[in-house]
Structure formats: structure tokens, C-alpha cells
């Protein structure tokens, strides 16, 4: 076997035996994501109230709905990230 092939095989062995863990950034994100999700959900609740109060002011309601969509998209991204981080935490715990 050539030297690069042997080195590649050794790298693969090390990766297989390397324990899975959070990066520093992932750990920080894991600790803060629940609060971020709760804050976005609260903002969406307030936004819904403002839309209801907007009544017949079409321009106000339209701008609030656009802002609401942005909040919903951000919340969806946070929930996807929450799922990833919690699955990773479970894998780490099961090693």
C-alpha cells in the first residue's frame, strides 16, 4: 500500500474512535436555544395581537403580517437547529 493510502486509513480509524462531542459554539447554542425559541414565540403572540388590533388599516396589517412571516421563518430555523442539537446531545450521551 502506498503511504497516502496508509495515512488515509489511519485517519479513518481515528475518526471512528474519536468521541463525539459538541463544539464550543454548539455547546453555547445548546444552552441558549430554548430561551431564544421562547422569545420568538412570545414575539409572535404579541404580533398576532397587534394584527388583530390593526383592524381595517390595510397598510399596518400588511407590514405586521410581513414581519410575522419573518418571525415564523426564524422560529422554524431555531426549531430545526434545536432538533439537531438535541439529537447530537442524545448521541453524545449514548456513547
N, C-alpha and C. Protein backbone atom coordinates (compact mmCIF):
# COMPACT_ATOMS: atom_id res chain seq x y z
N UNK A 1 0.84 -1.19 0.00
CA UNK A 1 0.00 0.00 0.00
C UNK A 1 0.88 1.24 0.00
N UNK A 2 0.44 2.27 -0.69
CA UNK A 2 1.21 3.49 -0.74
C UNK A 2 1.06 4.27 0.57
N UNK A 3 2.00 5.17 0.80
CA UNK A 3 1.99 5.95 2.04
C UNK A 3 0.72 6.78 2.20
N UNK A 4 0.21 7.46 1.15
CA UNK A 4 -1.04 8.22 1.33
C UNK A 4 -2.23 7.32 1.66
N UNK A 5 -2.28 6.12 1.10
CA UNK A 5 -3.38 5.21 1.39
C UNK A 5 -3.34 4.76 2.84
N UNK A 6 -2.14 4.49 3.35
CA UNK A 6 -1.99 4.09 4.75
C UNK A 6 -2.38 5.24 5.66
N UNK A 7 -1.97 6.44 5.33
CA UNK A 7 -2.30 7.62 6.15
C UNK A 7 -3.81 7.85 6.15
N UNK A 8 -4.44 7.66 5.00
CA UNK A 8 -5.89 7.85 4.92
C UNK A 8 -6.60 6.80 5.77
N UNK A 9 -6.13 5.58 5.75
CA UNK A 9 -6.74 4.52 6.54
C UNK A 9 -6.60 4.81 8.04
N UNK A 10 -5.46 5.33 8.45
CA UNK A 10 -5.24 5.70 9.85
C UNK A 10 -6.16 6.84 10.27
N UNK A 11 -6.34 7.83 9.38
CA UNK A 11 -7.26 8.94 9.67
C UNK A 11 -8.68 8.42 9.89
N UNK A 12 -9.10 7.48 9.06
CA UNK A 12 -10.44 6.91 9.20
C UNK A 12 -10.59 6.19 10.53
N UNK A 13 -9.57 5.47 10.93
CA UNK A 13 -9.61 4.76 12.22
C UNK A 13 -9.74 5.75 13.37
N UNK A 14 -8.97 6.84 13.31
CA UNK A 14 -9.02 7.84 14.38
C UNK A 14 -10.38 8.51 14.46
N UNK A 15 -10.98 8.79 13.30
CA UNK A 15 -12.30 9.41 13.30
C UNK A 15 -13.36 8.48 13.87
N UNK A 16 -13.22 7.21 13.62
CA UNK A 16 -14.19 6.25 14.15
C UNK A 16 -14.08 6.13 15.66
N UNK A 17 -12.89 6.25 16.20
CA UNK A 17 -12.68 6.09 17.63
C UNK A 17 -12.71 7.41 18.40
N UNK A 18 -12.76 8.51 17.68
CA UNK A 18 -12.80 9.82 18.32
C UNK A 18 -14.18 10.02 18.94
N UNK A 19 -14.25 10.34 20.22
CA UNK A 19 -15.56 10.51 20.85
C UNK A 19 -16.30 11.73 20.28
N UNK A 20 -17.59 11.57 20.13
CA UNK A 20 -18.44 12.62 19.62
C UNK A 20 -18.66 13.64 20.73
N UNK A 21 -18.56 14.93 20.40
CA UNK A 21 -18.82 15.97 21.39
C UNK A 21 -19.23 17.26 20.70
N UNK A 22 -19.82 18.15 21.48
CA UNK A 22 -20.19 19.47 20.98
C UNK A 22 -18.95 20.30 20.72
N UNK A 23 -19.03 21.16 19.71
CA UNK A 23 -18.01 22.19 19.58
C UNK A 23 -18.36 23.26 20.61
N UNK A 24 -17.46 24.18 20.85
CA UNK A 24 -17.73 25.25 21.81
C UNK A 24 -18.97 26.03 21.40
N UNK A 25 -19.06 26.35 20.10
CA UNK A 25 -20.20 27.12 19.59
C UNK A 25 -21.50 26.34 19.75
N UNK A 26 -21.47 25.05 19.44
CA UNK A 26 -22.67 24.22 19.60
C UNK A 26 -23.10 24.15 21.05
N UNK A 27 -22.15 24.04 21.96
CA UNK A 27 -22.48 23.98 23.38
C UNK A 27 -23.16 25.26 23.84
N UNK A 28 -22.63 26.40 23.41
CA UNK A 28 -23.24 27.69 23.75
C UNK A 28 -24.65 27.79 23.17
N UNK A 29 -24.78 27.38 21.93
CA UNK A 29 -26.07 27.43 21.26
C UNK A 29 -27.07 26.50 21.95
N UNK A 30 -26.62 25.30 22.33
CA UNK A 30 -27.47 24.33 23.01
C UNK A 30 -28.01 24.90 24.32
N UNK A 31 -27.17 25.64 25.03
CA UNK A 31 -27.57 26.22 26.32
C UNK A 31 -28.55 27.38 26.16
N UNK A 32 -28.52 28.05 25.02
CA UNK A 32 -29.33 29.26 24.84
C UNK A 32 -30.55 29.09 23.96
N UNK A 33 -30.64 28.00 23.23
CA UNK A 33 -31.67 27.90 22.19
C UNK A 33 -33.09 27.83 22.75
N UNK A 34 -33.29 27.23 23.91
CA UNK A 34 -34.64 27.17 24.49
C UNK A 34 -35.17 28.57 24.79
N UNK A 35 -34.31 29.42 25.33
CA UNK A 35 -34.71 30.80 25.63
C UNK A 35 -34.98 31.58 24.34
N UNK A 36 -34.19 31.33 23.32
CA UNK A 36 -34.41 32.02 22.04
C UNK A 36 -35.75 31.62 21.43
N UNK A 37 -36.07 30.33 21.50
CA UNK A 37 -37.34 29.85 20.97
C UNK A 37 -38.51 30.47 21.73
N UNK A 38 -38.40 30.49 23.05
CA UNK A 38 -39.47 31.08 23.88
C UNK A 38 -39.65 32.56 23.54
N UNK A 39 -38.56 33.27 23.33
CA UNK A 39 -38.64 34.70 22.99
C UNK A 39 -39.33 34.90 21.64
N UNK A 40 -38.99 34.09 20.64
CA UNK A 40 -39.63 34.21 19.32
C UNK A 40 -41.12 33.89 19.42
N UNK A 41 -41.47 32.87 20.21
CA UNK A 41 -42.88 32.52 20.38
C UNK A 41 -43.65 33.66 21.05
N UNK A 42 -43.03 34.30 22.02
CA UNK A 42 -43.66 35.44 22.69
C UNK A 42 -43.84 36.60 21.71
N UNK A 43 -42.81 36.86 20.91
CA UNK A 43 -42.91 37.92 19.90
C UNK A 43 -44.03 37.64 18.91
N UNK A 44 -44.17 36.38 18.50
CA UNK A 44 -45.25 36.02 17.58
C UNK A 44 -46.62 36.23 18.22
N UNK A 45 -46.74 35.90 19.50
CA UNK A 45 -48.00 36.14 20.20
C UNK A 45 -48.35 37.62 20.23
N UNK A 46 -47.36 38.46 20.52
CA UNK A 46 -47.58 39.90 20.53
C UNK A 46 -47.93 40.41 19.13
N UNK A 47 -47.25 39.83 18.12
CA UNK A 47 -47.50 40.23 16.74
C UNK A 47 -48.94 39.89 16.36
N UNK A 48 -49.43 38.73 16.76
CA UNK A 48 -50.82 38.35 16.46
C UNK A 48 -51.80 39.33 17.10
N UNK A 49 -51.51 39.74 18.33
CA UNK A 49 -52.37 40.71 19.00
C UNK A 49 -52.38 42.04 18.25
N UNK A 50 -51.20 42.48 17.80
CA UNK A 50 -51.12 43.74 17.06
C UNK A 50 -51.87 43.65 15.74
N UNK A 51 -51.80 42.50 15.07
CA UNK A 51 -52.53 42.32 13.81
C UNK A 51 -54.03 42.40 14.06
N UNK A 52 -54.49 41.78 15.14
CA UNK A 52 -55.92 41.84 15.47
C UNK A 52 -56.35 43.27 15.78
N UNK A 53 -55.50 44.02 16.47
CA UNK A 53 -55.82 45.41 16.80
C UNK A 53 -55.76 46.31 15.57
N UNK A 54 -54.98 45.89 14.55
CA UNK A 54 -54.83 46.70 13.34
C UNK A 54 -56.12 46.91 12.59
N UNK A 55 -57.02 45.98 12.76
CA UNK A 55 -58.35 46.11 12.16
C UNK A 55 -58.34 46.36 10.68
N UNK A 56 -58.87 47.51 10.27
CA UNK A 56 -59.05 47.80 8.85
C UNK A 56 -57.90 48.61 8.25
N UNK A 57 -56.87 48.88 9.02
CA UNK A 57 -55.70 49.62 8.49
C UNK A 57 -54.86 48.65 7.67
N UNK A 58 -55.14 48.59 6.38
CA UNK A 58 -54.53 47.60 5.50
C UNK A 58 -53.01 47.69 5.50
N UNK A 59 -52.45 48.88 5.41
CA UNK A 59 -51.00 49.05 5.34
C UNK A 59 -50.33 48.55 6.61
N UNK A 60 -50.91 48.89 7.75
CA UNK A 60 -50.36 48.43 9.03
C UNK A 60 -50.42 46.92 9.12
N UNK A 61 -51.56 46.36 8.80
CA UNK A 61 -51.73 44.90 8.88
C UNK A 61 -50.78 44.20 7.91
N UNK A 62 -50.62 44.74 6.71
CA UNK A 62 -49.72 44.14 5.72
C UNK A 62 -48.28 44.14 6.21
N UNK A 63 -47.84 45.24 6.81
CA UNK A 63 -46.46 45.28 7.31
C UNK A 63 -46.29 44.36 8.51
N UNK A 64 -47.32 44.27 9.36
CA UNK A 64 -47.25 43.36 10.51
C UNK A 64 -47.23 41.91 10.06
N UNK A 65 -48.00 41.58 9.04
CA UNK A 65 -48.02 40.21 8.53
C UNK A 65 -46.66 39.85 7.92
N UNK A 66 -46.04 40.79 7.23
CA UNK A 66 -44.72 40.54 6.66
C UNK A 66 -43.70 40.30 7.78
N UNK A 67 -43.79 41.09 8.82
CA UNK A 67 -42.89 40.91 9.96
C UNK A 67 -43.17 39.58 10.65
N UNK A 68 -44.45 39.22 10.73
CA UNK A 68 -44.83 37.96 11.35
C UNK A 68 -44.23 36.78 10.57
N UNK A 69 -44.25 36.85 9.25
CA UNK A 69 -43.66 35.79 8.43
C UNK A 69 -42.17 35.63 8.72
N UNK A 70 -41.48 36.75 8.85
CA UNK A 70 -40.05 36.70 9.15
C UNK A 70 -39.81 36.02 10.50
N UNK A 71 -40.62 36.38 11.48
CA UNK A 71 -40.50 35.76 12.80
C UNK A 71 -40.78 34.26 12.74
N UNK A 72 -41.79 33.88 11.96
CA UNK A 72 -42.12 32.46 11.82
C UNK A 72 -40.99 31.69 11.14
N UNK A 73 -40.38 32.29 10.13
CA UNK A 73 -39.25 31.64 9.45
C UNK A 73 -38.08 31.48 10.41
N UNK A 74 -37.81 32.51 11.19
CA UNK A 74 -36.72 32.44 12.15
C UNK A 74 -37.01 31.38 13.21
N UNK A 75 -38.25 31.32 13.67
CA UNK A 75 -38.63 30.31 14.64
C UNK A 75 -38.47 28.91 14.06
N UNK A 76 -38.85 28.74 12.82
CA UNK A 76 -38.70 27.43 12.17
C UNK A 76 -37.24 27.01 12.10
N UNK A 77 -36.36 27.94 11.77
CA UNK A 77 -34.93 27.64 11.74
C UNK A 77 -34.41 27.27 13.14
N UNK A 78 -34.87 28.01 14.14
CA UNK A 78 -34.47 27.69 15.51
C UNK A 78 -34.95 26.30 15.92
N UNK A 79 -36.16 25.94 15.54
CA UNK A 79 -36.68 24.62 15.89
C UNK A 79 -35.93 23.51 15.18
N UNK A 80 -35.52 23.74 13.94
CA UNK A 80 -34.71 22.75 13.23
C UNK A 80 -33.35 22.60 13.92
N UNK A 81 -32.78 23.71 14.31
CA UNK A 81 -31.48 23.66 14.98
C UNK A 81 -31.62 22.99 16.34
N UNK A 82 -32.72 23.28 17.06
CA UNK A 82 -32.98 22.65 18.35
C UNK A 82 -33.02 21.14 18.19
N UNK A 83 -33.71 20.67 17.15
CA UNK A 83 -33.80 19.23 16.89
C UNK A 83 -32.41 18.65 16.66
N UNK A 84 -31.62 19.28 15.82
CA UNK A 84 -30.26 18.80 15.55
C UNK A 84 -29.43 18.74 16.83
N UNK A 85 -29.45 19.81 17.60
CA UNK A 85 -28.63 19.86 18.81
C UNK A 85 -29.06 18.82 19.83
N UNK A 86 -30.36 18.60 19.97
CA UNK A 86 -30.83 17.62 20.94
C UNK A 86 -30.55 16.19 20.48
N UNK A 87 -30.61 15.95 19.17
CA UNK A 87 -30.22 14.63 18.67
C UNK A 87 -28.74 14.40 18.89
N UNK A 88 -27.92 15.42 18.67
CA UNK A 88 -26.49 15.31 18.90
C UNK A 88 -26.20 15.07 20.38
N UNK A 89 -26.91 15.79 21.24
CA UNK A 89 -26.72 15.59 22.69
C UNK A 89 -27.07 14.16 23.10
N UNK A 90 -28.10 13.63 22.50
CA UNK A 90 -28.50 12.25 22.80
C UNK A 90 -27.42 11.26 22.33
N UNK A 91 -26.87 11.50 21.15
CA UNK A 91 -25.80 10.64 20.65
C UNK A 91 -24.58 10.71 21.55
N UNK A 92 -24.26 11.91 22.01
CA UNK A 92 -23.11 12.08 22.91
C UNK A 92 -23.34 11.33 24.20
N UNK A 93 -24.55 11.44 24.74
CA UNK A 93 -24.88 10.78 26.00
C UNK A 93 -24.85 9.25 25.86
N UNK A 94 -25.15 8.74 24.68
CA UNK A 94 -25.22 7.29 24.49
C UNK A 94 -23.89 6.66 24.12
N UNK A 95 -22.83 7.41 24.03
CA UNK A 95 -21.52 6.84 23.67
C UNK A 95 -20.98 6.00 24.81
